[in-house]
Amino acid sequence: MPNIVLFSGSSHHDLSQKVADRLGLDLGKVVTKKFSNQETCVEIGESVRGEDVYIVQSGCGEINDNLMELLIMINACKIASSSRVTAVIPCFPYARQDKKDKGFFDIAVDNLYAEPAVLQWIRENIPEWKNCIIVSPDAGGAKRVTSIADRLNVEFALIHKERKKANEVDRMVLVGDVKDRVAILVDDMADTCGTICHAADKLISAGAIKVYAILTHGIFSGPAISRINNAPFEAVVVTNTIPQEEKMKQCPKIQVIDISMILAEAIRRTHNGESVSYLFSHVPL
């Protein structure tokens, strides 16, 4: 059986290192640089002939550059006769435009979920979780919150928002009773954080005693940090699909769930030809 070779793109080296440590591997040698005309150059520094290659590259930072770098790394490994190349993309770029749901792929794709890690965080870090209510900040996330609420055996609510235009929320209507409850807002990503901060104010005014936000991808662009600092959150919890070290220095409310063990186990299972669906409902130890 071919060996695993794990490479890191330049988007999130810290997460790649954590995945490598979990697998007991050293990261493969790769040099990425730019020519003077800003074209990306990638040099693979070791033999990958006949090997099972995994490349970790997240869709964050300079997204277009990082995506191009990933494609060039894949091509370099293919040319170097690797037996298989798998892209591990913690935060999938351009997903907001829903291309991933429109027949975008003609190769095998496994979509990994943060839900098991989120459930574990809630049980371990919110003492009053049995008296909580899971809240979606928009109607589109109803399926996500009902799944989490069912697993915790608690109620859910949602906020119906009417937008004037993208990134601007006009009016919010809360559907559900949050009075005297701990409200946990759950969403897939937070960018400028206008929606979740408005939602937090709405929940407090409706009688919630505490408000948490749990977000899979914390993009936090523009005024996001100042909005979170001024909002009534106990904590804003994100996974480390995107580097958060600098943001955490600016905002003490931000906490991080490490998902490196999920990625590492997905790599191990894919390499060994095992089912990845176990990870949809369990956090690997």
Protein backbone atom coordinates (compact mmCIF):
# COMPACT_ATOMS: atom_id res chain seq x y z
CA MET A 1 0.00 0.00 0.00
CA PRO A 2 1.38 3.47 -0.81
CA ASN A 3 2.42 5.73 2.06
CA ILE A 4 0.63 8.93 3.01
CA VAL A 5 2.45 12.12 2.05
CA LEU A 6 0.92 15.24 3.59
CA PHE A 7 1.66 18.70 2.19
CA SER A 8 0.58 22.07 3.51
CA GLY A 9 -0.36 24.99 1.34
CA SER A 10 0.49 28.45 2.65
CA SER A 11 -3.02 29.35 3.85
CA HIS A 12 -3.04 27.62 7.27
CA HIS A 13 0.25 25.97 8.18
CA ASP A 14 -0.66 25.64 11.87
CA LEU A 15 -3.71 23.47 11.13
CA SER A 16 -1.71 21.34 8.66
CA GLN A 17 0.94 20.77 11.34
CA LYS A 18 -1.71 19.68 13.85
CA VAL A 19 -3.13 17.21 11.31
CA ALA A 20 0.37 15.87 10.61
CA ASP A 21 1.03 15.48 14.36
CA ARG A 22 -2.24 13.54 14.76
CA LEU A 23 -1.21 11.18 11.97
CA GLY A 24 2.34 10.83 13.26
CA LEU A 25 3.74 12.29 10.03
CA ASP A 26 6.17 15.01 9.05
CA LEU A 27 4.80 17.56 6.60
CA GLY A 28 6.17 17.06 3.11
CA LYS A 29 8.77 19.48 1.78
CA VAL A 30 7.28 22.07 -0.52
CA VAL A 31 8.42 25.57 -1.49
CA THR A 32 5.90 28.12 -2.74
CA LYS A 33 7.01 31.46 -4.08
CA LYS A 34 5.99 34.08 -6.59
CA PHE A 35 7.69 35.17 -9.76
CA SER A 36 8.18 38.91 -10.21
CA ASN A 37 4.98 39.05 -12.28
CA GLN A 38 3.09 37.56 -9.27
CA GLU A 39 2.53 34.13 -10.80
CA THR A 40 2.66 31.35 -8.21
CA CYS A 41 5.51 28.86 -8.35
CA VAL A 42 5.43 25.57 -6.40
CA GLU A 43 8.36 23.19 -6.00
CA ILE A 44 7.71 19.77 -4.44
CA GLY A 45 10.87 18.96 -2.47
CA GLU A 46 10.59 15.16 -2.23
CA SER A 47 9.58 12.15 -4.28
CA VAL A 48 5.85 11.37 -4.37
CA ARG A 49 6.07 8.61 -6.98
CA GLY A 50 3.41 5.99 -6.23
CA GLU A 51 2.39 7.73 -2.98
CA ASP A 52 -1.05 8.71 -1.62
CA VAL A 53 -0.81 12.51 -1.42
CA TYR A 54 -2.97 14.84 0.69
CA ILE A 55 -2.73 18.61 0.37
CA VAL A 56 -4.23 20.81 3.13
CA GLN A 57 -5.23 24.24 1.85
CA SER A 58 -8.02 26.36 3.33
CA GLY A 59 -10.07 28.96 1.47
CA CYS A 60 -9.01 31.97 3.50
CA GLY A 61 -6.61 34.90 3.40
CA GLU A 62 -5.65 35.62 -0.20
CA ILE A 63 -8.35 33.24 -1.45
CA ASN A 64 -7.66 33.40 -5.18
CA ASP A 65 -3.89 33.02 -4.72
CA ASN A 66 -4.38 30.10 -2.32
CA LEU A 67 -6.80 28.36 -4.67
CA MET A 68 -4.37 28.73 -7.56
CA GLU A 69 -1.53 27.47 -5.35
CA LEU A 70 -3.60 24.36 -4.50
CA LEU A 71 -4.28 23.64 -8.16
CA ILE A 72 -0.59 24.01 -9.04
CA MET A 73 0.40 21.72 -6.14
CA ILE A 74 -2.10 19.08 -7.30
CA ASN A 75 -0.74 19.31 -10.83
CA ALA A 76 2.87 19.08 -9.61
CA CYS A 77 2.08 15.89 -7.65
CA LYS A 78 0.21 14.36 -10.60
CA ILE A 79 3.12 15.07 -12.95
CA ALA A 80 5.47 13.50 -10.37
CA SER A 81 3.52 10.20 -10.67
CA SER A 82 1.74 10.11 -7.30
CA SER A 83 -0.83 7.30 -7.14
CA ARG A 84 -3.58 9.62 -5.88
CA VAL A 85 -3.96 13.27 -4.83
CA THR A 86 -6.63 14.39 -2.37
CA ALA A 87 -7.31 18.05 -1.56
CA VAL A 88 -8.25 18.68 2.07
CA ILE A 89 -10.07 22.01 2.12
CA PRO A 90 -11.19 22.99 5.65
CA CYS A 91 -13.02 26.11 4.44
CA PHE A 92 -14.26 25.64 0.89
CA PRO A 93 -13.75 28.82 -1.18
CA TYR A 94 -16.60 30.30 -3.22
CA ALA A 95 -19.10 28.10 -1.34
CA ARG A 96 -21.28 31.16 -0.65
CA GLN A 97 -22.11 31.16 -4.33
CA ASP A 98 -23.46 27.59 -3.98
CA LYS A 99 -21.44 26.12 -6.83
CA LYS A 100 -20.72 23.04 -4.72
CA ASP A 101 -24.41 22.06 -4.94
CA LYS A 102 -24.70 22.41 -8.71
CA GLY A 103 -22.84 19.43 -10.11
CA PHE A 104 -19.51 21.21 -9.71
CA PHE A 105 -17.54 17.98 -9.18
CA ASP A 106 -17.01 14.91 -11.32
CA ILE A 107 -14.74 13.31 -8.67
CA ALA A 108 -15.46 11.75 -5.26
CA VAL A 109 -16.15 14.37 -2.57
CA ASP A 110 -16.65 13.87 1.16
CA ASN A 111 -18.28 16.81 2.94
CA LEU A 112 -17.14 16.83 6.59
CA TYR A 113 -19.32 18.27 9.34
CA ALA A 114 -18.41 20.28 12.44
CA GLU A 115 -21.66 19.31 14.19
CA PRO A 116 -20.21 16.51 16.40
CA ALA A 117 -17.44 18.84 17.62
CA VAL A 118 -20.02 21.61 18.22
CA LEU A 119 -22.21 19.27 20.30
CA GLN A 120 -19.19 18.23 22.35
CA TRP A 121 -18.22 21.88 22.96
CA ILE A 122 -21.74 22.80 24.10
CA ARG A 123 -21.90 19.89 26.58
CA GLU A 124 -18.46 20.61 27.98
CA ASN A 125 -18.50 24.43 28.12
CA ILE A 126 -22.07 25.60 28.75
CA PRO A 127 -23.14 24.45 32.24
CA GLU A 128 -26.80 25.32 31.55
CA TRP A 129 -26.94 23.54 28.19
CA LYS A 130 -29.97 21.46 29.21
CA ASN A 131 -31.91 24.74 29.54
CA CYS A 132 -30.67 26.14 26.25
CA ILE A 133 -32.43 26.90 22.99
CA ILE A 134 -30.66 26.56 19.63
CA VAL A 135 -31.32 29.53 17.35
CA SER A 136 -30.78 29.96 13.63
CA PRO A 137 -30.09 33.57 12.61
CA ASP A 138 -31.94 32.96 9.33
CA ALA A 139 -34.52 30.61 7.86
CA GLY A 140 -31.88 28.93 5.67
CA GLY A 141 -30.17 27.43 8.72
CA ALA A 142 -33.32 25.78 10.11
CA LYS A 143 -32.19 22.27 9.14
CA ARG A 144 -28.84 22.82 10.86
CA VAL A 145 -30.32 23.99 14.18
CA THR A 146 -33.08 21.35 14.28
CA SER A 147 -30.42 18.64 13.92
CA ILE A 148 -28.38 20.05 16.82
CA ALA A 149 -31.48 20.66 18.97
CA ASP A 150 -32.63 17.06 18.39
CA ARG A 151 -29.24 15.67 19.41
CA LEU A 152 -29.25 17.77 22.60
CA ASN A 153 -32.97 17.15 23.21
CA VAL A 154 -33.70 20.88 23.52
CA GLU A 155 -35.94 23.33 21.66
CA PHE A 156 -35.03 25.53 18.73
CA ALA A 157 -36.01 28.92 17.38
CA LEU A 158 -35.23 30.88 14.27
CA ILE A 159 -34.93 34.47 13.24
CA HIS A 160 -36.56 35.48 10.01
CA LYS A 161 -34.70 38.36 8.43
CA GLU A 162 -35.68 40.60 5.59
CA ARG A 163 -32.74 41.98 3.65
CA LYS A 164 -32.65 45.19 1.69
CA LYS A 165 -29.47 44.08 -0.08
CA ALA A 166 -26.55 41.69 0.52
CA ASN A 167 -24.75 42.21 3.86
CA GLU A 168 -27.46 44.62 5.08
CA VAL A 169 -30.27 43.39 7.29
CA ASP A 170 -33.48 45.39 7.42
CA ARG A 171 -35.83 43.73 9.92
CA MET A 172 -35.64 40.67 12.18
CA VAL A 173 -38.54 38.59 13.48
CA LEU A 174 -37.93 35.98 16.20
CA VAL A 175 -39.97 32.78 15.91
CA GLY A 176 -39.80 30.84 19.20
CA ASP A 177 -39.64 31.51 22.95
CA VAL A 178 -36.19 32.30 24.38
CA LYS A 179 -37.31 33.91 27.65
CA ASP A 180 -35.15 32.83 30.64
CA ARG A 181 -33.13 30.49 28.40
CA VAL A 182 -29.52 30.32 27.29
CA ALA A 183 -29.67 31.05 23.56
CA ILE A 184 -27.08 29.48 21.27
CA LEU A 185 -26.91 30.98 17.79
CA VAL A 186 -25.59 28.50 15.23
CA ASP A 187 -24.50 29.35 11.68
CA ASP A 188 -22.14 28.04 9.02
CA MET A 189 -20.05 31.19 8.67
CA ALA A 190 -19.75 34.75 9.94
CA ASP A 191 -18.18 37.40 7.76
CA THR A 192 -18.96 40.99 8.76
CA CYS A 193 -21.09 39.68 11.68
CA GLY A 194 -23.93 42.19 11.20
CA THR A 195 -26.52 39.41 11.20
CA ILE A 196 -25.40 37.53 14.30
CA CYS A 197 -24.84 40.74 16.30
CA HIS A 198 -28.33 41.97 15.41
CA ALA A 199 -29.63 38.52 16.31
CA ALA A 200 -27.89 38.64 19.72
CA ASP A 201 -29.52 42.00 20.51
CA LYS A 202 -32.89 40.58 19.45
CA LEU A 203 -32.49 37.54 21.72
CA ILE A 204 -31.50 39.61 24.76
CA SER A 205 -34.46 41.95 24.20
CA ALA A 206 -36.70 38.85 23.97
CA GLY A 207 -35.57 37.70 27.43
CA ALA A 208 -32.63 35.35 26.83
CA ILE A 209 -30.34 35.25 29.89
CA LYS A 210 -27.15 34.51 27.92
CA VAL A 211 -26.25 34.39 24.24
CA TYR A 212 -23.53 32.29 22.63
CA ALA A 213 -22.69 32.09 18.92
CA ILE A 214 -21.19 28.96 17.37
CA LEU A 215 -20.01 29.38 13.80
CA THR A 216 -18.20 26.84 11.65
CA HIS A 217 -16.10 29.36 9.71
CA GLY A 218 -15.08 32.65 11.32
CA ILE A 219 -14.14 34.90 8.42
CA PHE A 220 -14.44 38.11 10.49
CA SER A 221 -13.81 40.76 7.83
CA GLY A 222 -14.41 44.51 7.94
CA PRO A 223 -16.11 45.70 11.15
CA ALA A 224 -16.69 42.16 12.49
CA ILE A 225 -14.36 42.34 15.52
CA SER A 226 -15.64 45.67 16.81
CA ARG A 227 -19.23 44.47 16.34
CA ILE A 228 -18.56 41.31 18.37
CA ASN A 229 -16.80 43.29 21.10
CA ASN A 230 -19.85 45.55 21.41
CA ALA A 231 -22.45 42.75 21.19
CA PRO A 232 -23.89 40.91 24.24
CA PHE A 233 -22.20 37.55 23.59
CA GLU A 234 -20.82 35.34 26.35
CA ALA A 235 -18.59 33.77 23.70
CA VAL A 236 -18.29 33.51 19.92
CA VAL A 237 -17.04 30.04 19.09
CA VAL A 238 -15.51 29.11 15.73
CA THR A 239 -13.54 26.17 14.38
CA ASN A 240 -9.94 26.55 13.25
CA THR A 241 -10.69 26.05 9.55
CA ILE A 242 -9.38 29.63 9.29
CA PRO A 243 -6.44 30.99 11.38
CA GLN A 244 -7.82 32.92 14.37
CA GLU A 245 -4.76 33.82 16.45
CA GLU A 246 -4.73 37.52 15.47
CA LYS A 247 -8.50 37.87 15.82
CA MET A 248 -8.41 36.30 19.31
CA LYS A 249 -5.90 38.95 20.42
CA GLN A 250 -8.32 41.67 19.33
CA CYS A 251 -11.44 40.00 20.73
CA PRO A 252 -11.36 37.96 23.99
CA LYS A 253 -14.87 36.60 23.29
CA ILE A 254 -13.62 34.46 20.39
CA GLN A 255 -12.95 30.82 21.30
CA VAL A 256 -11.78 28.06 18.95
CA ILE A 257 -12.78 24.43 18.48
CA ASP A 258 -9.89 22.40 17.04
CA ILE A 259 -11.04 20.22 14.12
CA SER A 260 -7.60 18.83 13.22
CA MET A 261 -8.57 15.42 14.61
CA ILE A 262 -11.58 15.26 12.25
CA LEU A 263 -9.39 16.06 9.23
CA ALA A 264 -6.70 13.62 10.35
CA GLU A 265 -9.19 10.80 10.85
CA ALA A 266 -10.81 11.55 7.47
CA ILE A 267 -7.37 11.28 5.84
CA ARG A 268 -6.60 8.02 7.67
CA ARG A 269 -9.96 6.50 6.71
CA THR A 270 -9.71 7.61 3.08
CA HIS A 271 -6.17 6.21 2.84
CA ASN A 272 -7.27 2.86 4.28
CA GLY A 273 -10.44 2.66 2.18
CA GLU A 274 -12.71 2.91 5.23
CA SER A 275 -16.04 4.75 5.49
CA VAL A 276 -15.86 8.43 6.40
CA SER A 277 -19.54 8.57 7.45
CA TYR A 278 -18.58 7.64 11.05
CA LEU A 279 -17.29 11.22 11.36
CA PHE A 280 -20.73 12.66 10.59
CA SER A 281 -21.87 11.74 14.10
CA HIS A 282 -18.69 11.17 16.15
CA VAL A 283 -15.65 13.19 17.20
CA PRO A 284 -12.55 10.98 16.93
CA LEU A 285 -10.52 10.70 20.13
